[in-house]
Amino acid sequence: MAQPSNGVFPLLVGMITAATLSGAAVLVVLNSGCEDPGSYHEHDGVVELIGGCLRPSDLPVAPRETAEPPSPGSSDPFVAR
């Protein structure tokens, strides 16, 4: 009985796995239940998603830290004098 070469079985398993995962991804997207995919619009240099099935609570955003300017008498070496 002939043995297949060493690389055939891992290649075949990889291809089957990729096809299975791709099929599962397509089924998840088709069954997501979102009728309005939304669209991206740019205004004032900001890109915004208009429509779609996302709610603000779906995308938690960390608050931005505001940088305070150094005081005039600062010993910070990067402050222009």
PDB file of N, CA and C in Angstrom:
ATOM      1  N   MET A   1       0.849  -1.172   0.000  1.00  0.00           N
ATOM      2  CA  MET A   1       0.000   0.000   0.000  1.00  0.00           C
ATOM      3  C   MET A   1       0.898   1.239   0.000  1.00  0.00           C
ATOM      4  N   ALA A   2       0.585   2.195  -0.846  1.00  0.00           N
ATOM      5  CA  ALA A   2       1.410   3.394  -0.993  1.00  0.00           C
ATOM      6  C   ALA A   2       1.058   4.408   0.084  1.00  0.00           C
ATOM      7  N   GLN A   3       2.077   5.017   0.653  1.00  0.00           N
ATOM      8  CA  GLN A   3       1.899   6.059   1.664  1.00  0.00           C
ATOM      9  C   GLN A   3       1.896   7.422   0.974  1.00  0.00           C
ATOM     10  N   PRO A   4       0.976   8.323   1.344  1.00  0.00           N
ATOM     11  CA  PRO A   4       1.033   9.667   0.770  1.00  0.00           C
ATOM     12  C   PRO A   4       2.252  10.405   1.324  1.00  0.00           C
ATOM     13  N   SER A   5       2.688  11.417   0.588  1.00  0.00           N
ATOM     14  CA  SER A   5       3.864  12.157   1.044  1.00  0.00           C
ATOM     15  C   SER A   5       3.542  12.873   2.350  1.00  0.00           C
ATOM     16  N   ASN A   6       4.557  13.283   3.085  1.00  0.00           N
ATOM     17  CA  ASN A   6       4.393  13.863   4.415  1.00  0.00           C
ATOM     18  C   ASN A   6       3.571  15.145   4.428  1.00  0.00           C
ATOM     19  N   GLY A   7       3.581  15.929   3.377  1.00  0.00           N
ATOM     20  CA  GLY A   7       2.903  17.217   3.390  1.00  0.00           C
ATOM     21  C   GLY A   7       1.453  17.178   2.942  1.00  0.00           C
ATOM     22  N   VAL A   8       0.959  16.059   2.436  1.00  0.00           N
ATOM     23  CA  VAL A   8      -0.387  16.003   1.882  1.00  0.00           C
ATOM     24  C   VAL A   8      -1.450  16.040   2.983  1.00  0.00           C
ATOM     25  N   PHE A   9      -1.285  15.265   4.031  1.00  0.00           N
ATOM     26  CA  PHE A   9      -2.301  15.195   5.078  1.00  0.00           C
ATOM     27  C   PHE A   9      -2.468  16.537   5.804  1.00  0.00           C
ATOM     28  N   PRO A  10      -1.393  17.186   6.265  1.00  0.00           N
ATOM     29  CA  PRO A  10      -1.584  18.492   6.906  1.00  0.00           C
ATOM     30  C   PRO A  10      -2.202  19.527   5.960  1.00  0.00           C
ATOM     31  N   LEU A  11      -1.830  19.485   4.693  1.00  0.00           N
ATOM     32  CA  LEU A  11      -2.403  20.402   3.714  1.00  0.00           C
ATOM     33  C   LEU A  11      -3.895  20.146   3.554  1.00  0.00           C
ATOM     34  N   LEU A  12      -4.289  18.905   3.465  1.00  0.00           N
ATOM     35  CA  LEU A  12      -5.692  18.539   3.320  1.00  0.00           C
ATOM     36  C   LEU A  12      -6.489  18.950   4.560  1.00  0.00           C
ATOM     37  N   VAL A  13      -5.950  18.717   5.741  1.00  0.00           N
ATOM     38  CA  VAL A  13      -6.628  19.113   6.973  1.00  0.00           C
ATOM     39  C   VAL A  13      -6.768  20.628   7.038  1.00  0.00           C
ATOM     40  N   GLY A  14      -5.737  21.356   6.653  1.00  0.00           N
ATOM     41  CA  GLY A  14      -5.803  22.817   6.643  1.00  0.00           C
ATOM     42  C   GLY A  14      -6.848  23.344   5.684  1.00  0.00           C
ATOM     43  N   MET A  15      -6.936  22.749   4.516  1.00  0.00           N
ATOM     44  CA  MET A  15      -7.923  23.183   3.530  1.00  0.00           C
ATOM     45  C   MET A  15      -9.350  22.896   4.007  1.00  0.00           C
ATOM     46  N   ILE A  16      -9.563  21.745   4.594  1.00  0.00           N
ATOM     47  CA  ILE A  16     -10.894  21.397   5.111  1.00  0.00           C
ATOM     48  C   ILE A  16     -11.272  22.330   6.261  1.00  0.00           C
ATOM     49  N   THR A  17     -10.326  22.616   7.146  1.00  0.00           N
ATOM     50  CA  THR A  17     -10.582  23.523   8.260  1.00  0.00           C
ATOM     51  C   THR A  17     -10.916  24.917   7.754  1.00  0.00           C
ATOM     52  N   ALA A  18     -10.159  25.409   6.773  1.00  0.00           N
ATOM     53  CA  ALA A  18     -10.410  26.744   6.214  1.00  0.00           C
ATOM     54  C   ALA A  18     -11.788  26.804   5.561  1.00  0.00           C
ATOM     55  N   ALA A  19     -12.156  25.778   4.833  1.00  0.00           N
ATOM     56  CA  ALA A  19     -13.469  25.756   4.176  1.00  0.00           C
ATOM     57  C   ALA A  19     -14.591  25.711   5.211  1.00  0.00           C
ATOM     58  N   THR A  20     -14.405  24.953   6.280  1.00  0.00           N
ATOM     59  CA  THR A  20     -15.426  24.864   7.327  1.00  0.00           C
ATOM     60  C   THR A  20     -15.595  26.200   8.041  1.00  0.00           C
ATOM     61  N   LEU A  21     -14.489  26.838   8.392  1.00  0.00           N
ATOM     62  CA  LEU A  21     -14.566  28.133   9.077  1.00  0.00           C
ATOM     63  C   LEU A  21     -15.148  29.214   8.167  1.00  0.00           C
ATOM     64  N   SER A  22     -14.808  29.177   6.886  1.00  0.00           N
ATOM     65  CA  SER A  22     -15.375  30.142   5.940  1.00  0.00           C
ATOM     66  C   SER A  22     -16.878  29.955   5.808  1.00  0.00           C
ATOM     67  N   GLY A  23     -17.319  28.720   5.723  1.00  0.00           N
ATOM     68  CA  GLY A  23     -18.747  28.436   5.647  1.00  0.00           C
ATOM     69  C   GLY A  23     -19.482  28.891   6.897  1.00  0.00           C
ATOM     70  N   ALA A  24     -18.882  28.662   8.061  1.00  0.00           N
ATOM     71  CA  ALA A  24     -19.499  29.099   9.311  1.00  0.00           C
ATOM     72  C   ALA A  24     -19.595  30.624   9.354  1.00  0.00           C
ATOM     73  N   ALA A  25     -18.571  31.320   8.891  1.00  0.00           N
ATOM     74  CA  ALA A  25     -18.594  32.789   8.879  1.00  0.00           C
ATOM     75  C   ALA A  25     -19.699  33.304   7.967  1.00  0.00           C
ATOM     76  N   VAL A  26     -19.872  32.696   6.812  1.00  0.00           N
ATOM     77  CA  VAL A  26     -20.935  33.110   5.887  1.00  0.00           C
ATOM     78  C   VAL A  26     -22.296  32.889   6.525  1.00  0.00           C
ATOM     79  N   LEU A  27     -22.498  31.761   7.195  1.00  0.00           N
ATOM     80  CA  LEU A  27     -23.786  31.491   7.838  1.00  0.00           C
ATOM     81  C   LEU A  27     -24.063  32.482   8.966  1.00  0.00           C
ATOM     82  N   VAL A  28     -23.061  32.839   9.725  1.00  0.00           N
ATOM     83  CA  VAL A  28     -23.253  33.810  10.809  1.00  0.00           C
ATOM     84  C   VAL A  28     -23.670  35.159  10.244  1.00  0.00           C
ATOM     85  N   VAL A  29     -23.027  35.586   9.176  1.00  0.00           N
ATOM     86  CA  VAL A  29     -23.370  36.877   8.573  1.00  0.00           C
ATOM     87  C   VAL A  29     -24.781  36.844   7.983  1.00  0.00           C
ATOM     88  N   LEU A  30     -25.121  35.769   7.315  1.00  0.00           N
ATOM     89  CA  LEU A  30     -26.448  35.679   6.704  1.00  0.00           C
ATOM     90  C   LEU A  30     -27.547  35.629   7.755  1.00  0.00           C
ATOM     91  N   ASN A  31     -27.271  35.063   8.917  1.00  0.00           N
ATOM     92  CA  ASN A  31     -28.279  34.929   9.961  1.00  0.00           C
ATOM     93  C   ASN A  31     -28.157  35.997  11.048  1.00  0.00           C
ATOM     94  N   SER A  32     -27.446  37.058  10.780  1.00  0.00           N
ATOM     95  CA  SER A  32     -27.246  38.084  11.805  1.00  0.00           C
ATOM     96  C   SER A  32     -28.506  38.904  12.072  1.00  0.00           C
ATOM     97  N   GLY A  33     -29.413  38.971  11.123  1.00  0.00           N
ATOM     98  CA  GLY A  33     -30.673  39.673  11.334  1.00  0.00           C
ATOM     99  C   GLY A  33     -30.575  41.179  11.191  1.00  0.00           C
ATOM    100  N   CYS A  34     -29.544  41.681  10.601  1.00  0.00           N
ATOM    101  CA  CYS A  34     -29.384  43.118  10.434  1.00  0.00           C
ATOM    102  C   CYS A  34     -29.799  43.493   9.013  1.00  0.00           C
ATOM    103  N   GLU A  35     -30.891  44.242   8.913  1.00  0.00           N
ATOM    104  CA  GLU A  35     -31.391  44.631   7.594  1.00  0.00           C
ATOM    105  C   GLU A  35     -30.671  45.851   7.034  1.00  0.00           C
ATOM    106  N   ASP A  36     -30.182  46.749   7.910  1.00  0.00           N
ATOM    107  CA  ASP A  36     -29.518  47.978   7.478  1.00  0.00           C
ATOM    108  C   ASP A  36     -28.039  47.882   7.815  1.00  0.00           C
ATOM    109  N   PRO A  37     -27.176  47.656   6.829  1.00  0.00           N
ATOM    110  CA  PRO A  37     -25.751  47.525   7.138  1.00  0.00           C
ATOM    111  C   PRO A  37     -25.096  48.838   7.532  1.00  0.00           C
ATOM    112  N   GLY A  38     -25.749  49.963   7.263  1.00  0.00           N
ATOM    113  CA  GLY A  38     -25.171  51.264   7.586  1.00  0.00           C
ATOM    114  C   GLY A  38     -24.187  51.712   6.531  1.00  0.00           C
ATOM    115  N   SER A  39     -23.736  52.951   6.659  1.00  0.00           N
ATOM    116  CA  SER A  39     -22.748  53.485   5.723  1.00  0.00           C
ATOM    117  C   SER A  39     -21.873  54.487   6.460  1.00  0.00           C
ATOM    118  N   TYR A  40     -20.680  54.673   5.964  1.00  0.00           N
ATOM    119  CA  TYR A  40     -19.730  55.596   6.575  1.00  0.00           C
ATOM    120  C   TYR A  40     -19.769  56.933   5.835  1.00  0.00           C
ATOM    121  N   HIS A  41     -19.822  58.025   6.598  1.00  0.00           N
ATOM    122  CA  HIS A  41     -19.823  59.368   6.043  1.00  0.00           C
ATOM    123  C   HIS A  41     -18.723  60.173   6.721  1.00  0.00           C
ATOM    124  N   GLU A  42     -18.017  60.992   5.941  1.00  0.00           N
ATOM    125  CA  GLU A  42     -16.963  61.825   6.504  1.00  0.00           C
ATOM    126  C   GLU A  42     -17.436  63.270   6.540  1.00  0.00           C
ATOM    127  N   HIS A  43     -17.235  63.913   7.678  1.00  0.00           N
ATOM    128  CA  HIS A  43     -17.537  65.330   7.819  1.00  0.00           C
ATOM    129  C   HIS A  43     -16.577  65.926   8.840  1.00  0.00           C
ATOM    130  N   ASP A  44     -16.024  67.063   8.510  1.00  0.00           N
ATOM    131  CA  ASP A  44     -15.071  67.769   9.371  1.00  0.00           C
ATOM    132  C   ASP A  44     -13.888  66.891   9.773  1.00  0.00           C
ATOM    133  N   GLY A  45     -13.449  66.031   8.882  1.00  0.00           N
ATOM    134  CA  GLY A  45     -12.294  65.181   9.156  1.00  0.00           C
ATOM    135  C   GLY A  45     -12.588  63.987  10.050  1.00  0.00           C
ATOM    136  N   VAL A  46     -13.865  63.716  10.321  1.00  0.00           N
ATOM    137  CA  VAL A  46     -14.262  62.600  11.178  1.00  0.00           C
ATOM    138  C   VAL A  46     -15.119  61.651  10.358  1.00  0.00           C
ATOM    139  N   VAL A  47     -14.826  60.358  10.450  1.00  0.00           N
ATOM    140  CA  VAL A  47     -15.629  59.352   9.762  1.00  0.00           C
ATOM    141  C   VAL A  47     -16.659  58.823  10.760  1.00  0.00           C
ATOM    142  N   GLU A  48     -17.930  58.810  10.339  1.00  0.00           N
ATOM    143  CA  GLU A  48     -19.015  58.419  11.235  1.00  0.00           C
ATOM    144  C   GLU A  48     -19.850  57.334  10.563  1.00  0.00           C
ATOM    145  N   LEU A  49     -20.251  56.328  11.327  1.00  0.00           N
ATOM    146  CA  LEU A  49     -21.135  55.278  10.834  1.00  0.00           C
ATOM    147  C   LEU A  49     -22.571  55.749  11.018  1.00  0.00           C
ATOM    148  N   ILE A  50     -23.310  55.827   9.926  1.00  0.00           N
ATOM    149  CA  ILE A  50     -24.706  56.231   9.952  1.00  0.00           C
ATOM    150  C   ILE A  50     -25.551  55.002   9.674  1.00  0.00           C
ATOM    151  N   GLY A  51     -26.490  54.724  10.550  1.00  0.00           N
ATOM    152  CA  GLY A  51     -27.352  53.560  10.395  1.00  0.00           C
ATOM    153  C   GLY A  51     -26.669  52.313  10.944  1.00  0.00           C
ATOM    154  N   GLY A  52     -27.100  51.170  10.483  1.00  0.00           N
ATOM    155  CA  GLY A  52     -26.517  49.916  10.938  1.00  0.00           C
ATOM    156  C   GLY A  52     -27.220  49.392  12.173  1.00  0.00           C
ATOM    157  N   CYS A  53     -26.744  48.288  12.661  1.00  0.00           N
ATOM    158  CA  CYS A  53     -27.374  47.616  13.795  1.00  0.00           C
ATOM    159  C   CYS A  53     -26.604  47.809  15.092  1.00  0.00           C
ATOM    160  N   LEU A  54     -25.608  48.672  15.096  1.00  0.00           N
ATOM    161  CA  LEU A  54     -24.837  48.897  16.312  1.00  0.00           C
ATOM    162  C   LEU A  54     -25.497  49.967  17.161  1.00  0.00           C
ATOM    163  N   ARG A  55     -25.416  49.767  18.470  1.00  0.00           N
ATOM    164  CA  ARG A  55     -25.859  50.778  19.419  1.00  0.00           C
ATOM    165  C   ARG A  55     -24.615  51.323  20.106  1.00  0.00           C
ATOM    166  N   PRO A  56     -24.676  52.530  20.639  1.00  0.00           N
ATOM    167  CA  PRO A  56     -23.499  53.088  21.321  1.00  0.00           C
ATOM    168  C   PRO A  56     -22.971  52.175  22.426  1.00  0.00           C
ATOM    169  N   SER A  57     -23.855  51.425  23.081  1.00  0.00           N
ATOM    170  CA  SER A  57     -23.412  50.540  24.161  1.00  0.00           C
ATOM    171  C   SER A  57     -22.642  49.326  23.635  1.00  0.00           C
ATOM    172  N   ASP A  58     -22.732  49.041  22.338  1.00  0.00           N
ATOM    173  CA  ASP A  58     -21.989  47.922  21.753  1.00  0.00           C
ATOM    174  C   ASP A  58     -20.500  48.228  21.622  1.00  0.00           C
ATOM    175  N   LEU A  59     -20.139  49.503  21.580  1.00  0.00           N
ATOM    176  CA  LEU A  59     -18.758  49.912  21.373  1.00  0.00           C
ATOM    177  C   LEU A  59     -18.285  50.782  22.532  1.00  0.00           C
ATOM    178  N   PRO A  60     -17.802  50.161  23.595  1.00  0.00           N
ATOM    179  CA  PRO A  60     -17.337  50.978  24.712  1.00  0.00           C
ATOM    180  C   PRO A  60     -16.102  51.782  24.306  1.00  0.00           C
ATOM    181  N   VAL A  61     -16.100  53.037  24.693  1.00  0.00           N
ATOM    182  CA  VAL A  61     -15.002  53.924  24.346  1.00  0.00           C
ATOM    183  C   VAL A  61     -14.383  54.425  25.643  1.00  0.00           C
ATOM    184  N   ALA A  62     -13.065  54.319  25.736  1.00  0.00           N
ATOM    185  CA  ALA A  62     -12.365  54.819  26.913  1.00  0.00           C
ATOM    186  C   ALA A  62     -12.327  56.342  26.840  1.00  0.00           C
ATOM    187  N   PRO A  63     -12.528  57.017  27.965  1.00  0.00           N
ATOM    188  CA  PRO A  63     -12.466  58.482  27.931  1.00  0.00           C
ATOM    189  C   PRO A  63     -11.064  58.961  27.600  1.00  0.00           C
ATOM    190  N   ARG A  64     -11.009  60.035  26.839  1.00  0.00           N
ATOM    191  CA  ARG A  64      -9.715  60.604  26.477  1.00  0.00           C
ATOM    192  C   ARG A  64      -9.178  61.417  27.641  1.00  0.00           C
ATOM    193  N   GLU A  65      -7.883  61.285  27.880  1.00  0.00           N
ATOM    194  CA  GLU A  65      -7.251  62.072  28.927  1.00  0.00           C
ATOM    195  C   GLU A  65      -6.866  63.418  28.339  1.00  0.00           C
ATOM    196  N   THR A  66      -7.168  64.460  29.069  1.00  0.00           N
ATOM    197  CA  THR A  66      -6.787  65.788  28.597  1.00  0.00           C
ATOM    198  C   THR A  66      -5.429  66.132  29.175  1.00  0.00           C
ATOM    199  N   ALA A  67      -4.543  66.547  28.335  1.00  0.00           N
ATOM    200  CA  ALA A  67      -3.203  66.918  28.780  1.00  0.00           C
ATOM    201  C   ALA A  67      -3.223  68.370  29.234  1.00  0.00           C
ATOM    202  N   GLU A  68      -2.776  68.587  30.450  1.00  0.00           N
ATOM    203  CA  GLU A  68      -2.716  69.951  30.957  1.00  0.00           C
ATOM    204  C   GLU A  68      -1.397  70.578  30.534  1.00  0.00           C
ATOM    205  N   PRO A  69      -1.422  71.840  30.100  1.00  0.00           N
ATOM    206  CA  PRO A  69      -0.168  72.489  29.703  1.00  0.00           C
ATOM    207  C   PRO A  69       0.705  72.709  30.944  1.00  0.00           C
ATOM    208  N   PRO A  70       2.017  72.607  30.782  1.00  0.00           N
ATOM    209  CA  PRO A  70       2.905  72.806  31.936  1.00  0.00           C
ATOM    210  C   PRO A  70       2.829  74.249  32.425  1.00  0.00           C
ATOM    211  N   SER A  71       3.044  74.409  33.708  1.00  0.00           N
ATOM    212  CA  SER A  71       2.999  75.755  34.282  1.00  0.00           C
ATOM    213  C   SER A  71       4.208  76.556  33.821  1.00  0.00           C
ATOM    214  N   PRO A  72       4.126  77.886  33.794  1.00  0.00           N
ATOM    215  CA  PRO A  72       5.230  78.721  33.299  1.00  0.00           C
ATOM    216  C   PRO A  72       6.547  78.511  34.056  1.00  0.00           C
ATOM    217  N   GLY A  73       6.500  78.213  35.335  1.00  0.00           N
ATOM    218  CA  GLY A  73       7.729  78.019  36.109  1.00  0.00           C
ATOM    219  C   GLY A  73       8.150  76.561  36.156  1.00  0.00           C
ATOM    220  N   SER A  74       7.712  75.748  35.224  1.00  0.00           N
ATOM    221  CA  SER A  74       8.002  74.321  35.237  1.00  0.00           C
ATOM    222  C   SER A  74       9.474  74.040  34.985  1.00  0.00           C
ATOM    223  N   SER A  75       9.956  72.976  35.590  1.00  0.00           N
ATOM    224  CA  SER A  75      11.343  72.555  35.360  1.00  0.00           C
ATOM    225  C   SER A  75      11.427  71.517  34.257  1.00  0.00           C
ATOM    226  N   ASP A  76      10.344  71.337  33.493  1.00  0.00           N
ATOM    227  CA  ASP A  76      10.310  70.373  32.396  1.00  0.00           C
ATOM    228  C   ASP A  76      11.280  70.820  31.295  1.00  0.00           C
ATOM    229  N   PRO A  77      12.272  69.965  30.938  1.00  0.00           N
ATOM    230  CA  PRO A  77      13.257  70.367  29.934  1.00  0.00           C
ATOM    231  C   PRO A  77      12.680  70.525  28.535  1.00  0.00           C
ATOM    232  N   PHE A  78      11.469  70.003  28.276  1.00  0.00           N
ATOM    233  CA  PHE A  78      10.877  70.076  26.950  1.00  0.00           C
ATOM    234  C   PHE A  78      10.012  71.304  26.764  1.00  0.00           C
ATOM    235  N   VAL A  79       9.899  72.126  27.761  1.00  0.00           N
ATOM    236  CA  VAL A  79       9.104  73.345  27.663  1.00  0.00           C
ATOM    237  C   VAL A  79       9.944  74.435  27.033  1.00  0.00           C
ATOM    238  N   ALA A  80       9.407  75.075  25.987  1.00  0.00           N
ATOM    239  CA  ALA A  80      10.146  76.156  25.317  1.00  0.00           C
ATOM    240  C   ALA A  80      10.215  77.374  26.242  1.00  0.00           C
ATOM    241  N   ARG A  81      11.372  77.987  26.272  1.00  0.00           N
ATOM    242  CA  ARG A  81      11.534  79.172  27.127  1.00  0.00           C
ATOM    243  C   ARG A  81      11.899  80.357  26.304  1.00  0.00           C
TER     244      ARG A  81
END
